[in-house]
Amino acid sequence: MTGPLLSTEGGLRAVPGRVGPRSEATIGLAAKLLIAGANLSIADAAQCIASGGLRGLKDTRVPLLLAAIAWWLIGFSRSYWLGLKVGLGAIGIWIGLSIGTTIYAALLVLRFRHLTRRAH
């Protein structure tokens, strides 16, 4: 119940405490980070399910390679670029992590489909 209430800027303003120029910026950043974190959570749930399915098929080496590609080559580089080079800061870092996790989830689902179609 608390999560949806606090996930909006209005909900965060309702938190007791002093609301001034500094805290307004903090509230705005927190609201944006909550949205980025929610997107990351959805992609992470998909990759967890696909990863578990692949483990059930005894496929662990290819997912490790896919993780290195998706998270380190794509996600980390996008986080660095968006957060530090483009200047989005923390939001850019979280967007980059979401991109890497989403790509990893998609690759795992494609791998799972490939292995299960091949079995039939």
N, C-alpha and C. Protein backbone atom coordinates (compact mmCIF):
# COMPACT_ATOMS: atom_id res chain seq x y z
N MET A 1 0.81 -1.19 0.00
CA MET A 1 0.00 0.00 0.00
C MET A 1 0.86 1.26 0.00
N THR A 2 1.97 1.22 0.68
CA THR A 2 2.83 2.40 0.77
C THR A 2 3.51 2.69 -0.56
N GLY A 3 3.92 1.64 -1.28
CA GLY A 3 4.63 1.81 -2.55
C GLY A 3 3.87 2.65 -3.56
N PRO A 4 2.61 2.30 -3.88
CA PRO A 4 1.88 3.12 -4.84
C PRO A 4 1.66 4.56 -4.36
N LEU A 5 1.46 4.73 -3.06
CA LEU A 5 1.27 6.09 -2.53
C LEU A 5 2.52 6.93 -2.72
N LEU A 6 3.67 6.34 -2.43
CA LEU A 6 4.92 7.09 -2.51
C LEU A 6 5.50 7.14 -3.92
N SER A 7 4.90 6.42 -4.86
CA SER A 7 5.46 6.38 -6.21
C SER A 7 5.13 7.61 -7.03
N THR A 8 4.35 8.49 -6.51
CA THR A 8 4.04 9.73 -7.22
C THR A 8 4.64 10.90 -6.48
N GLU A 9 4.87 11.96 -7.19
CA GLU A 9 5.43 13.14 -6.54
C GLU A 9 4.48 13.65 -5.47
N GLY A 10 3.18 13.60 -5.72
CA GLY A 10 2.21 14.06 -4.73
C GLY A 10 2.25 13.22 -3.47
N GLY A 11 2.41 11.92 -3.64
CA GLY A 11 2.52 11.04 -2.49
C GLY A 11 3.77 11.32 -1.69
N LEU A 12 4.87 11.62 -2.37
CA LEU A 12 6.10 11.93 -1.65
C LEU A 12 6.01 13.26 -0.92
N ARG A 13 5.24 14.19 -1.45
CA ARG A 13 5.07 15.48 -0.76
C ARG A 13 4.29 15.32 0.53
N ALA A 14 3.49 14.24 0.62
CA ALA A 14 2.69 14.03 1.81
C ALA A 14 3.51 13.49 2.98
N VAL A 15 4.76 13.11 2.73
CA VAL A 15 5.62 12.61 3.80
C VAL A 15 5.92 13.76 4.74
N PRO A 16 5.75 13.56 6.04
CA PRO A 16 5.99 14.65 6.98
C PRO A 16 7.43 15.15 6.91
N GLY A 17 7.59 16.41 7.13
CA GLY A 17 8.92 17.01 7.12
C GLY A 17 8.90 18.33 6.39
N ARG A 18 10.02 18.99 6.41
CA ARG A 18 10.13 20.30 5.79
C ARG A 18 10.24 20.14 4.27
N VAL A 19 9.39 20.84 3.55
CA VAL A 19 9.44 20.84 2.09
C VAL A 19 9.94 22.21 1.66
N GLY A 20 11.15 22.23 1.12
CA GLY A 20 11.74 23.47 0.67
C GLY A 20 12.39 23.26 -0.67
N PRO A 21 13.21 24.21 -1.10
CA PRO A 21 13.85 24.10 -2.42
C PRO A 21 14.69 22.84 -2.57
N ARG A 22 15.45 22.50 -1.54
CA ARG A 22 16.29 21.29 -1.65
C ARG A 22 15.46 20.03 -1.68
N SER A 23 14.46 19.94 -0.83
CA SER A 23 13.66 18.72 -0.77
C SER A 23 12.76 18.57 -1.99
N GLU A 24 12.36 19.66 -2.64
CA GLU A 24 11.60 19.56 -3.88
C GLU A 24 12.42 18.85 -4.95
N ALA A 25 13.69 19.20 -5.07
CA ALA A 25 14.56 18.53 -6.04
C ALA A 25 14.74 17.06 -5.69
N THR A 26 14.85 16.78 -4.40
CA THR A 26 15.01 15.40 -3.94
C THR A 26 13.75 14.59 -4.24
N ILE A 27 12.61 15.19 -4.02
CA ILE A 27 11.35 14.51 -4.30
C ILE A 27 11.21 14.22 -5.79
N GLY A 28 11.57 15.19 -6.62
CA GLY A 28 11.50 14.98 -8.06
C GLY A 28 12.43 13.87 -8.52
N LEU A 29 13.65 13.85 -8.00
CA LEU A 29 14.61 12.79 -8.34
C LEU A 29 14.11 11.44 -7.86
N ALA A 30 13.59 11.40 -6.63
CA ALA A 30 13.09 10.13 -6.08
C ALA A 30 11.94 9.58 -6.91
N ALA A 31 11.05 10.45 -7.36
CA ALA A 31 9.92 10.00 -8.18
C ALA A 31 10.41 9.40 -9.50
N LYS A 32 11.38 10.04 -10.12
CA LYS A 32 11.93 9.52 -11.38
C LYS A 32 12.67 8.21 -11.15
N LEU A 33 13.41 8.13 -10.05
CA LEU A 33 14.14 6.89 -9.75
C LEU A 33 13.19 5.74 -9.44
N LEU A 34 12.06 6.03 -8.82
CA LEU A 34 11.08 4.98 -8.56
C LEU A 34 10.52 4.41 -9.86
N ILE A 35 10.28 5.26 -10.84
CA ILE A 35 9.80 4.79 -12.14
C ILE A 35 10.86 3.94 -12.82
N ALA A 36 12.11 4.42 -12.81
CA ALA A 36 13.19 3.64 -13.42
C ALA A 36 13.37 2.31 -12.69
N GLY A 37 13.26 2.33 -11.37
CA GLY A 37 13.38 1.10 -10.60
C GLY A 37 12.25 0.13 -10.87
N ALA A 38 11.05 0.64 -11.09
CA ALA A 38 9.92 -0.22 -11.42
C ALA A 38 10.13 -0.91 -12.77
N ASN A 39 10.63 -0.15 -13.74
CA ASN A 39 10.93 -0.75 -15.05
C ASN A 39 11.99 -1.83 -14.92
N LEU A 40 13.01 -1.58 -14.11
CA LEU A 40 14.06 -2.57 -13.89
C LEU A 40 13.49 -3.81 -13.22
N SER A 41 12.58 -3.64 -12.28
CA SER A 41 11.98 -4.78 -11.57
C SER A 41 11.19 -5.68 -12.51
N ILE A 42 10.46 -5.09 -13.43
CA ILE A 42 9.68 -5.88 -14.39
C ILE A 42 10.61 -6.71 -15.28
N ALA A 43 11.65 -6.08 -15.80
CA ALA A 43 12.61 -6.80 -16.64
C ALA A 43 13.35 -7.87 -15.83
N ASP A 44 13.66 -7.57 -14.58
CA ASP A 44 14.37 -8.52 -13.73
C ASP A 44 13.49 -9.74 -13.44
N ALA A 45 12.20 -9.52 -13.25
CA ALA A 45 11.29 -10.65 -13.02
C ALA A 45 11.25 -11.56 -14.24
N ALA A 46 11.21 -10.98 -15.43
CA ALA A 46 11.20 -11.78 -16.65
C ALA A 46 12.49 -12.58 -16.80
N GLN A 47 13.63 -11.95 -16.51
CA GLN A 47 14.89 -12.68 -16.65
C GLN A 47 15.02 -13.76 -15.59
N CYS A 48 14.47 -13.55 -14.41
CA CYS A 48 14.51 -14.60 -13.37
C CYS A 48 13.71 -15.83 -13.79
N ILE A 49 12.55 -15.60 -14.37
CA ILE A 49 11.71 -16.71 -14.82
C ILE A 49 12.40 -17.46 -15.96
N ALA A 50 12.91 -16.73 -16.94
CA ALA A 50 13.58 -17.37 -18.07
C ALA A 50 14.85 -18.09 -17.62
N SER A 51 15.57 -17.48 -16.70
CA SER A 51 16.80 -18.11 -16.20
C SER A 51 16.48 -19.41 -15.46
N GLY A 52 15.41 -19.41 -14.68
CA GLY A 52 15.01 -20.64 -13.99
C GLY A 52 14.60 -21.73 -14.97
N GLY A 53 13.90 -21.34 -16.03
CA GLY A 53 13.52 -22.32 -17.05
C GLY A 53 14.74 -22.93 -17.72
N LEU A 54 15.72 -22.10 -18.01
CA LEU A 54 16.94 -22.61 -18.65
C LEU A 54 17.74 -23.49 -17.70
N ARG A 55 17.76 -23.16 -16.42
CA ARG A 55 18.43 -24.03 -15.45
C ARG A 55 17.75 -25.38 -15.38
N GLY A 56 16.42 -25.37 -15.50
CA GLY A 56 15.67 -26.62 -15.52
C GLY A 56 16.03 -27.48 -16.74
N LEU A 57 16.40 -26.83 -17.82
CA LEU A 57 16.84 -27.55 -19.02
C LEU A 57 18.34 -27.85 -18.98
N LYS A 58 18.97 -27.57 -17.87
CA LYS A 58 20.42 -27.79 -17.66
C LYS A 58 21.27 -26.93 -18.61
N ASP A 59 20.78 -25.75 -18.92
CA ASP A 59 21.51 -24.81 -19.78
C ASP A 59 22.01 -23.66 -18.90
N THR A 60 23.29 -23.66 -18.59
CA THR A 60 23.85 -22.62 -17.72
C THR A 60 25.01 -21.86 -18.35
N ARG A 61 25.68 -22.45 -19.30
CA ARG A 61 26.85 -21.78 -19.90
C ARG A 61 26.46 -20.64 -20.83
N VAL A 62 25.51 -20.88 -21.70
CA VAL A 62 25.09 -19.82 -22.63
C VAL A 62 24.47 -18.64 -21.88
N PRO A 63 23.60 -18.87 -20.87
CA PRO A 63 23.09 -17.72 -20.13
C PRO A 63 24.18 -16.88 -19.45
N LEU A 64 25.26 -17.54 -19.03
CA LEU A 64 26.37 -16.78 -18.45
C LEU A 64 27.00 -15.87 -19.49
N LEU A 65 27.19 -16.38 -20.68
CA LEU A 65 27.72 -15.57 -21.77
C LEU A 65 26.77 -14.43 -22.14
N LEU A 66 25.47 -14.75 -22.18
CA LEU A 66 24.48 -13.72 -22.48
C LEU A 66 24.45 -12.63 -21.40
N ALA A 67 24.65 -13.03 -20.14
CA ALA A 67 24.69 -12.05 -19.05
C ALA A 67 25.88 -11.11 -19.21
N ALA A 68 27.02 -11.66 -19.58
CA ALA A 68 28.20 -10.82 -19.78
C ALA A 68 27.97 -9.82 -20.91
N ILE A 69 27.34 -10.27 -21.96
CA ILE A 69 27.08 -9.37 -23.09
C ILE A 69 26.04 -8.32 -22.72
N ALA A 70 24.91 -8.76 -22.18
CA ALA A 70 23.80 -7.84 -21.91
C ALA A 70 24.12 -6.85 -20.80
N TRP A 71 24.68 -7.34 -19.69
CA TRP A 71 24.90 -6.46 -18.55
C TRP A 71 26.19 -5.67 -18.66
N TRP A 72 27.28 -6.34 -19.00
CA TRP A 72 28.56 -5.64 -19.00
C TRP A 72 28.81 -4.85 -20.27
N LEU A 73 28.59 -5.46 -21.42
CA LEU A 73 28.85 -4.73 -22.65
C LEU A 73 27.78 -3.70 -22.98
N ILE A 74 26.53 -4.07 -22.80
CA ILE A 74 25.44 -3.17 -23.20
C ILE A 74 24.97 -2.32 -22.01
N GLY A 75 24.53 -2.96 -20.93
CA GLY A 75 23.96 -2.23 -19.80
C GLY A 75 24.94 -1.30 -19.11
N PHE A 76 26.11 -1.79 -18.81
CA PHE A 76 27.09 -0.96 -18.11
C PHE A 76 27.56 0.19 -18.99
N SER A 77 27.80 -0.09 -20.27
CA SER A 77 28.24 0.99 -21.16
C SER A 77 27.15 2.03 -21.36
N ARG A 78 25.88 1.60 -21.45
CA ARG A 78 24.77 2.54 -21.56
C ARG A 78 24.61 3.35 -20.28
N SER A 79 24.78 2.71 -19.14
CA SER A 79 24.71 3.43 -17.87
C SER A 79 25.77 4.52 -17.79
N TYR A 80 26.98 4.16 -18.15
CA TYR A 80 28.08 5.13 -18.14
C TYR A 80 27.79 6.28 -19.10
N TRP A 81 27.36 5.93 -20.32
CA TRP A 81 27.12 6.95 -21.34
C TRP A 81 25.97 7.88 -20.94
N LEU A 82 24.83 7.28 -20.54
CA LEU A 82 23.67 8.10 -20.19
C LEU A 82 23.89 8.89 -18.90
N GLY A 83 24.48 8.24 -17.91
CA GLY A 83 24.65 8.89 -16.62
C GLY A 83 25.73 9.94 -16.58
N LEU A 84 26.86 9.66 -17.24
CA LEU A 84 28.00 10.55 -17.12
C LEU A 84 28.28 11.38 -18.36
N LYS A 85 28.12 10.82 -19.52
CA LYS A 85 28.42 11.56 -20.75
C LYS A 85 27.26 12.43 -21.21
N VAL A 86 26.06 11.87 -21.18
CA VAL A 86 24.88 12.64 -21.58
C VAL A 86 24.48 13.61 -20.46
N GLY A 87 24.79 13.24 -19.23
CA GLY A 87 24.50 14.12 -18.10
C GLY A 87 23.19 13.87 -17.40
N LEU A 88 22.63 12.67 -17.55
CA LEU A 88 21.38 12.36 -16.88
C LEU A 88 21.57 11.97 -15.42
N GLY A 89 22.79 11.74 -15.02
CA GLY A 89 23.08 11.41 -13.63
C GLY A 89 22.52 10.05 -13.23
N ALA A 90 21.94 10.02 -12.03
CA ALA A 90 21.42 8.76 -11.48
C ALA A 90 20.34 8.15 -12.36
N ILE A 91 19.51 8.99 -12.95
CA ILE A 91 18.45 8.49 -13.83
C ILE A 91 19.06 7.75 -15.02
N GLY A 92 20.10 8.31 -15.61
CA GLY A 92 20.76 7.67 -16.75
C GLY A 92 21.38 6.34 -16.38
N ILE A 93 21.94 6.27 -15.19
CA ILE A 93 22.54 5.01 -14.74
C ILE A 93 21.46 3.94 -14.61
N TRP A 94 20.34 4.30 -14.00
CA TRP A 94 19.27 3.32 -13.84
C TRP A 94 18.62 2.94 -15.17
N ILE A 95 18.52 3.89 -16.08
CA ILE A 95 17.99 3.57 -17.42
C ILE A 95 18.92 2.58 -18.12
N GLY A 96 20.22 2.81 -18.02
CA GLY A 96 21.19 1.89 -18.61
C GLY A 96 21.09 0.49 -18.01
N LEU A 97 20.93 0.41 -16.70
CA LEU A 97 20.75 -0.90 -16.05
C LEU A 97 19.47 -1.57 -16.52
N SER A 98 18.41 -0.78 -16.70
CA SER A 98 17.15 -1.34 -17.20
C SER A 98 17.30 -1.86 -18.63
N ILE A 99 18.04 -1.12 -19.45
CA ILE A 99 18.28 -1.56 -20.83
C ILE A 99 19.01 -2.90 -20.83
N GLY A 100 20.08 -3.00 -20.05
CA GLY A 100 20.85 -4.24 -19.99
C GLY A 100 20.01 -5.41 -19.49
N THR A 101 19.21 -5.18 -18.46
CA THR A 101 18.38 -6.25 -17.91
C THR A 101 17.28 -6.66 -18.89
N THR A 102 16.70 -5.70 -19.58
CA THR A 102 15.67 -6.01 -20.57
C THR A 102 16.24 -6.83 -21.72
N ILE A 103 17.41 -6.45 -22.18
CA ILE A 103 18.05 -7.21 -23.26
C ILE A 103 18.39 -8.63 -22.78
N TYR A 104 18.90 -8.75 -21.56
CA TYR A 104 19.21 -10.07 -21.01
C TYR A 104 17.95 -10.93 -20.93
N ALA A 105 16.85 -10.35 -20.45
CA ALA A 105 15.60 -11.10 -20.35
C ALA A 105 15.14 -11.57 -21.74
N ALA A 106 15.22 -10.68 -22.72
CA ALA A 106 14.80 -11.05 -24.08
C ALA A 106 15.68 -12.16 -24.64
N LEU A 107 16.97 -12.07 -24.43
CA LEU A 107 17.89 -13.11 -24.93
C LEU A 107 17.62 -14.45 -24.26
N LEU A 108 17.32 -14.42 -22.96
CA LEU A 108 17.03 -15.68 -22.26
C LEU A 108 15.73 -16.30 -22.75
N VAL A 109 14.72 -15.48 -22.99
CA VAL A 109 13.45 -16.00 -23.50
C VAL A 109 13.66 -16.60 -24.89
N LEU A 110 14.42 -15.93 -25.74
CA LEU A 110 14.71 -16.48 -27.07
C LEU A 110 15.48 -17.78 -26.97
N ARG A 111 16.43 -17.85 -26.06
CA ARG A 111 17.20 -19.09 -25.85
C ARG A 111 16.28 -20.22 -25.38
N PHE A 112 15.38 -19.91 -24.45
CA PHE A 112 14.45 -20.91 -23.94
C PHE A 112 13.54 -21.42 -25.07
N ARG A 113 13.03 -20.51 -25.87
CA ARG A 113 12.18 -20.91 -26.99
C ARG A 113 12.95 -21.78 -27.98
N HIS A 114 14.19 -21.42 -28.25
CA HIS A 114 15.02 -22.20 -29.18
C HIS A 114 15.22 -23.62 -28.67
N LEU A 115 15.55 -23.76 -27.39
CA LEU A 115 15.81 -25.10 -26.84
C LEU A 115 14.54 -25.94 -26.73
N THR A 116 13.42 -25.31 -26.40
CA THR A 116 12.19 -26.11 -26.26
C THR A 116 11.61 -26.48 -27.63
N ARG A 117 11.78 -25.64 -28.63
CA ARG A 117 11.31 -26.02 -29.98
C ARG A 117 12.16 -27.13 -30.55
N ARG A 118 13.44 -27.11 -30.26
CA ARG A 118 14.36 -28.12 -30.77
C ARG A 118 14.05 -29.48 -30.15
N ALA A 119 13.54 -29.47 -28.92
CA ALA A 119 13.25 -30.72 -28.22
C ALA A 119 11.99 -31.42 -28.80
N HIS A 120 11.12 -30.67 -29.42
CA HIS A 120 9.89 -31.27 -29.96
C HIS A 120 10.02 -31.59 -31.37
